[in-house]
Protein backbone atom coordinates (compact mmCIF):
# COMPACT_ATOMS: atom_id res chain seq x y z
CA MET A 1 -12.35 -48.66 -49.27
CA THR A 2 -13.90 -45.34 -50.29
CA SER A 3 -11.11 -44.90 -52.87
CA LEU A 4 -12.70 -47.72 -54.91
CA PHE A 5 -15.54 -45.31 -55.73
CA ASP A 6 -13.43 -42.15 -56.18
CA LEU A 7 -14.03 -40.54 -59.57
CA THR A 8 -11.78 -37.52 -59.00
CA GLY A 9 -10.39 -36.23 -62.29
CA LYS A 10 -12.84 -38.22 -64.44
CA VAL A 11 -15.11 -36.57 -66.98
CA ALA A 12 -18.63 -37.95 -67.32
CA VAL A 13 -21.29 -37.27 -69.93
CA VAL A 14 -24.88 -38.17 -68.93
CA THR A 15 -27.73 -37.93 -71.49
CA GLY A 16 -31.21 -37.28 -70.29
CA SER A 17 -29.81 -35.87 -67.07
CA SER A 18 -32.15 -32.97 -66.40
CA ARG A 19 -34.54 -35.07 -64.28
CA GLY A 20 -35.30 -38.49 -62.87
CA ILE A 21 -32.71 -41.25 -63.04
CA GLY A 22 -30.42 -39.25 -65.25
CA ARG A 23 -30.32 -36.31 -62.86
CA ALA A 24 -29.61 -38.65 -59.94
CA ILE A 25 -26.81 -40.23 -61.88
CA ALA A 26 -25.25 -36.90 -62.74
CA GLU A 27 -25.46 -35.67 -59.13
CA GLN A 28 -23.96 -38.88 -57.73
CA LEU A 29 -21.06 -38.97 -60.22
CA ALA A 30 -20.33 -35.36 -59.27
CA ALA A 31 -20.57 -36.18 -55.56
CA HIS A 32 -17.90 -38.83 -56.11
CA GLY A 33 -15.55 -36.38 -57.81
CA ALA A 34 -16.35 -36.52 -61.49
CA LYS A 35 -16.72 -33.46 -63.71
CA VAL A 36 -20.14 -33.94 -65.14
CA VAL A 37 -21.74 -32.82 -68.46
CA VAL A 38 -25.49 -32.46 -67.94
CA SER A 39 -27.40 -32.95 -71.22
CA SER A 40 -31.02 -33.03 -72.32
CA ARG A 41 -33.10 -31.18 -74.87
CA LYS A 42 -33.97 -28.17 -72.72
CA ALA A 43 -31.14 -25.84 -71.70
CA ALA A 44 -32.96 -24.36 -68.73
CA ALA A 45 -33.57 -27.77 -67.22
CA CYS A 46 -29.91 -28.62 -67.67
CA ASP A 47 -28.85 -25.37 -66.03
CA GLU A 48 -30.94 -26.14 -63.00
CA VAL A 49 -29.14 -29.47 -62.42
CA VAL A 50 -25.74 -27.76 -62.92
CA LYS A 51 -26.67 -25.23 -60.24
CA ALA A 52 -27.64 -27.99 -57.85
CA ILE A 53 -24.37 -29.88 -58.43
CA GLU A 54 -22.32 -26.76 -58.01
CA GLY A 55 -24.26 -25.83 -54.87
CA ALA A 56 -23.24 -29.24 -53.47
CA GLY A 57 -19.61 -28.53 -54.24
CA GLY A 58 -19.36 -30.47 -57.47
CA THR A 59 -18.29 -29.46 -60.97
CA ALA A 60 -20.70 -29.53 -63.94
CA ILE A 61 -21.58 -27.86 -67.18
CA ALA A 62 -24.74 -27.96 -69.29
CA ILE A 63 -24.59 -28.94 -72.99
CA PRO A 64 -28.11 -29.38 -74.31
CA ALA A 65 -28.65 -31.95 -77.08
CA SER A 66 -31.40 -34.04 -78.57
CA ILE A 67 -30.46 -37.74 -78.84
CA SER A 68 -32.42 -38.01 -82.07
CA ASP A 69 -30.12 -35.51 -83.81
CA LYS A 70 -26.71 -36.93 -84.73
CA ALA A 71 -25.23 -33.47 -85.34
CA GLN A 72 -26.26 -32.39 -81.88
CA LEU A 73 -24.60 -35.41 -80.32
CA GLU A 74 -21.45 -34.65 -82.29
CA THR A 75 -21.57 -31.15 -80.82
CA LEU A 76 -22.10 -32.59 -77.32
CA VAL A 77 -18.97 -34.62 -77.68
CA ALA A 78 -16.97 -31.88 -79.24
CA GLU A 79 -17.95 -29.22 -76.66
CA THR A 80 -17.20 -31.68 -73.81
CA LYS A 81 -13.70 -32.21 -75.12
CA LYS A 82 -13.25 -28.47 -75.68
CA HIS A 83 -14.19 -27.79 -72.08
CA PHE A 84 -12.82 -30.77 -70.19
CA GLY A 85 -10.31 -32.32 -72.67
CA GLN A 86 -11.70 -35.85 -72.82
CA ILE A 87 -14.57 -38.20 -71.84
CA ASP A 88 -13.86 -40.95 -69.32
CA ILE A 89 -17.45 -42.03 -68.51
CA LEU A 90 -20.40 -42.11 -70.83
CA VAL A 91 -23.90 -42.78 -69.53
CA CYS A 92 -26.50 -43.30 -72.19
CA ASN A 93 -29.67 -42.68 -70.18
CA ALA A 94 -32.10 -40.74 -72.45
CA ALA A 95 -34.90 -42.67 -73.99
CA VAL A 96 -38.47 -42.23 -75.27
CA ASN A 97 -41.76 -44.11 -75.32
CA PRO A 98 -44.41 -42.28 -77.39
CA PHE A 99 -46.80 -45.27 -77.64
CA PHE A 100 -48.72 -47.38 -75.09
CA GLY A 101 -50.61 -50.31 -76.68
CA THR A 102 -50.33 -53.51 -78.66
CA SER A 103 -47.75 -54.18 -81.37
CA LYS A 104 -50.35 -54.41 -84.06
CA ASP A 105 -51.60 -50.90 -83.27
CA ILE A 106 -48.35 -49.02 -83.11
CA PRO A 107 -47.91 -46.51 -85.96
CA ASP A 108 -44.73 -46.81 -88.04
CA ASP A 109 -43.54 -43.38 -87.01
CA ALA A 110 -43.84 -44.22 -83.34
CA PHE A 111 -42.01 -47.52 -83.80
CA ASP A 112 -39.22 -45.80 -85.74
CA LYS A 113 -38.91 -43.03 -83.14
CA ILE A 114 -38.51 -45.60 -80.33
CA MET A 115 -35.88 -47.60 -82.23
CA SER A 116 -33.96 -44.51 -83.34
CA SER A 117 -33.96 -42.72 -79.99
CA ASN A 118 -33.43 -45.75 -77.73
CA ILE A 119 -31.01 -47.76 -79.88
CA LYS A 120 -29.51 -45.81 -82.76
CA SER A 121 -28.65 -42.72 -80.61
CA ASN A 122 -26.71 -44.94 -78.15
CA HIS A 123 -24.96 -46.59 -81.11
CA TRP A 124 -23.99 -43.13 -82.45
CA LEU A 125 -22.85 -41.79 -79.14
CA CYS A 126 -20.77 -44.85 -78.24
CA ASN A 127 -19.00 -44.78 -81.62
CA MET A 128 -18.26 -41.06 -81.11
CA VAL A 129 -16.78 -41.55 -77.65
CA ILE A 130 -15.25 -45.01 -77.29
CA PRO A 131 -12.45 -44.82 -79.88
CA GLU A 132 -10.76 -41.97 -77.99
CA MET A 133 -11.22 -43.90 -74.76
CA ALA A 134 -9.45 -46.84 -76.40
CA GLU A 135 -6.47 -44.68 -77.37
CA ARG A 136 -5.96 -43.92 -73.67
CA GLY A 137 -6.70 -47.52 -72.68
CA ASP A 138 -9.40 -46.66 -70.22
CA GLY A 139 -13.09 -45.85 -70.17
CA ALA A 140 -16.52 -46.89 -68.88
CA VAL A 141 -19.83 -46.84 -70.62
CA VAL A 142 -23.20 -47.49 -68.94
CA ILE A 143 -26.39 -47.87 -70.98
CA VAL A 144 -29.55 -47.46 -68.99
CA SER A 145 -31.93 -50.18 -70.20
CA SER A 146 -35.03 -51.51 -68.39
CA VAL A 147 -36.45 -54.70 -66.93
CA GLY A 148 -38.88 -54.31 -69.83
CA GLY A 149 -36.12 -55.76 -71.96
CA LEU A 150 -36.32 -59.04 -70.04
CA PHE A 151 -40.06 -59.73 -70.38
CA GLY A 152 -42.83 -59.72 -72.93
CA SER A 153 -45.36 -56.94 -72.90
CA ASP A 154 -48.74 -56.36 -74.51
CA LYS A 155 -48.60 -52.57 -73.87
CA LEU A 156 -44.93 -51.59 -74.24
CA GLY A 157 -43.72 -54.01 -76.94
CA ALA A 158 -41.60 -51.68 -79.07
CA TYR A 159 -40.07 -50.02 -75.97
CA CYS A 160 -39.19 -53.45 -74.57
CA ILE A 161 -37.63 -54.49 -77.83
CA SER A 162 -35.46 -51.36 -77.78
CA LYS A 163 -34.39 -52.05 -74.18
CA ALA A 164 -33.46 -55.66 -74.95
CA ALA A 165 -31.37 -54.33 -77.83
CA ASP A 166 -29.58 -51.94 -75.46
CA MET A 167 -28.53 -54.91 -73.34
CA GLN A 168 -27.18 -56.65 -76.44
CA MET A 169 -25.36 -53.48 -77.51
CA ALA A 170 -23.55 -53.46 -74.14
CA ARG A 171 -22.51 -57.04 -74.66
CA ASN A 172 -21.32 -56.47 -78.24
CA LEU A 173 -19.34 -53.33 -77.38
CA ALA A 174 -17.81 -55.04 -74.32
CA VAL A 175 -16.45 -57.80 -76.62
CA GLU A 176 -15.27 -55.33 -79.26
CA TRP A 177 -13.50 -52.85 -76.91
CA GLY A 178 -12.55 -54.99 -73.92
CA PRO A 179 -9.02 -55.56 -75.25
CA LYS A 180 -8.50 -51.74 -75.00
CA ASN A 181 -9.69 -51.77 -71.37
CA ILE A 182 -13.06 -50.27 -72.15
CA ARG A 183 -15.88 -51.61 -69.98
CA VAL A 184 -19.48 -51.43 -71.24
CA ASN A 185 -22.44 -52.45 -69.10
CA ALA A 186 -26.17 -51.96 -68.96
CA ILE A 187 -28.49 -51.30 -66.06
CA ALA A 188 -32.07 -52.52 -66.08
CA PRO A 189 -34.16 -50.56 -63.56
CA GLY A 190 -37.54 -51.81 -62.41
CA LEU A 191 -40.30 -49.36 -61.41
CA ILE A 192 -38.61 -46.15 -60.27
CA LYS A 193 -40.32 -43.01 -58.97
CA THR A 194 -39.79 -40.73 -61.95
CA ASP A 195 -42.04 -38.62 -64.24
CA PHE A 196 -41.46 -41.25 -66.95
CA ALA A 197 -43.31 -43.80 -64.84
CA ARG A 198 -45.76 -41.44 -63.14
CA ALA A 199 -48.85 -43.28 -64.40
CA LEU A 200 -47.71 -46.40 -62.57
CA TRP A 201 -47.06 -44.82 -59.16
CA GLU A 202 -49.17 -41.74 -58.57
CA ASN A 203 -52.30 -43.88 -58.02
CA PRO A 204 -51.87 -45.95 -54.78
CA GLU A 205 -53.92 -48.89 -56.14
CA ILE A 206 -52.01 -49.09 -59.42
CA LEU A 207 -48.71 -48.77 -57.45
CA LYS A 208 -49.69 -51.64 -55.23
CA MET A 209 -50.46 -53.83 -58.16
CA ALA A 210 -47.27 -52.84 -59.95
CA THR A 211 -45.06 -53.67 -57.03
CA LYS A 212 -46.91 -56.75 -55.60
CA GLY A 213 -44.33 -59.02 -57.24
CA TYR A 214 -41.41 -57.08 -55.81
CA PRO A 215 -40.04 -58.84 -52.73
CA LEU A 216 -39.19 -55.41 -51.26
CA ARG A 217 -42.83 -54.36 -51.92
CA ARG A 218 -42.00 -50.85 -52.88
CA ILE A 219 -41.03 -48.56 -55.71
CA GLY A 220 -37.42 -47.65 -56.28
CA GLN A 221 -35.84 -44.22 -56.02
CA PRO A 222 -33.57 -42.61 -58.68
CA GLU A 223 -30.67 -42.52 -56.26
CA GLU A 224 -30.84 -46.29 -55.98
CA ILE A 225 -30.01 -46.57 -59.68
CA ALA A 226 -27.35 -43.81 -59.53
CA GLY A 227 -25.31 -45.78 -57.02
CA ALA A 228 -24.97 -48.68 -59.40
CA VAL A 229 -23.66 -46.31 -62.08
CA VAL A 230 -21.00 -44.99 -59.66
CA PHE A 231 -19.97 -48.66 -59.08
CA LEU A 232 -19.75 -49.49 -62.77
CA ALA A 233 -17.88 -46.22 -63.64
CA SER A 234 -15.32 -46.55 -60.77
CA LYS A 235 -12.43 -48.84 -59.81
CA ALA A 236 -14.97 -50.90 -57.87
CA GLY A 237 -16.40 -52.09 -61.20
CA SER A 238 -13.10 -52.44 -62.99
CA PHE A 239 -13.56 -56.20 -63.66
CA THR A 240 -17.23 -55.94 -64.67
CA THR A 241 -18.14 -55.64 -68.36
CA GLY A 242 -20.78 -56.85 -70.75
CA GLN A 243 -23.30 -57.28 -67.90
CA THR A 244 -26.84 -56.11 -67.31
CA LEU A 245 -27.39 -55.22 -63.72
CA VAL A 246 -31.05 -55.64 -62.81
CA ILE A 247 -32.20 -53.24 -60.09
CA ASP A 248 -35.84 -53.86 -59.49
CA GLY A 249 -36.51 -54.72 -55.83
CA GLY A 250 -36.28 -58.37 -56.76
CA GLY A 251 -39.21 -58.43 -59.16
CA ALA A 252 -37.35 -60.36 -61.90
CA ILE A 253 -36.59 -63.26 -59.57
CA ASN A 254 -39.99 -63.57 -57.98
CA GLN A 255 -41.83 -65.91 -60.32
CA GLY A 256 -44.46 -66.63 -57.73
CA GLY A 257 -45.11 -62.98 -56.98
C-alpha cells in the first residue's frame, strides 16, 4: 500500500515553503521521494529548508521568488525546468494578509495586495506550469486555501474572499484540464500552529477560545496539512480533482460548538 504514496521521480515546486505549512509540505514531499524546489522571498530561509531535506536523505534545491512578481515566478519555473527537466507537482501555498479589520476600513492598497498575492499569483503560476503537464498527460496542483474561505468574517474579510476564490480556481482548473489528466485541488486548513497564526495560539486563553468549536479541541500542526498534500499529489489521490479538503479538527462541521 505504501506505493500509493510513492513520489519517486516526481518534481515538486512549493511556494512559501521556507516555514510553516509550506516547509512541512516540502519536507514531506521529499520524504516520499519527490525532488523538491523550495521557494520563498528570502534565499537564506530557503537554503535552510534545503539543508534539512538533504540531511534527511531527500533531494531539494532553493529558488527564491516573490509571488507578487510575475517575472520572478517565470524565473522560478524556468530554473526548475533547467535543473530538473519538468514540474509534476505544483503547490501554491504562499499568501499574505496585511490587514486585520472590517471591510469598510481596509485601504485600497491592502485589498489589492491580498487579491494579487493570494489569487492572481496562483493564476499566473498555474498557467505557467499546467500546459506542459498537459502535454505529458499527467500532473497535480494543490492550492492551499483556508477555512476562512467558507465563512464570513468581520476581521479578515478580504483574506477570506481571496481564499474562497482559490477554492473556485481549483474547481475551474480541474474542469479545464481534467481531460488532460491534470488534477487540481484545494486544501482548507483550520487553525494551524504557524507564525502566520501566532496571534491566535501563543496566548492560552485566545487559543482555548479559537479551538472551542473544534471537536478535537486542539490546534493543528503543519505536518497534518502536509500529509494531505502527499495524498493529493500521489497515486492515492489519482481520482480526486476539483475538491476542497477541509482539515480543521472538525470545526467546520460543529455548528453547535
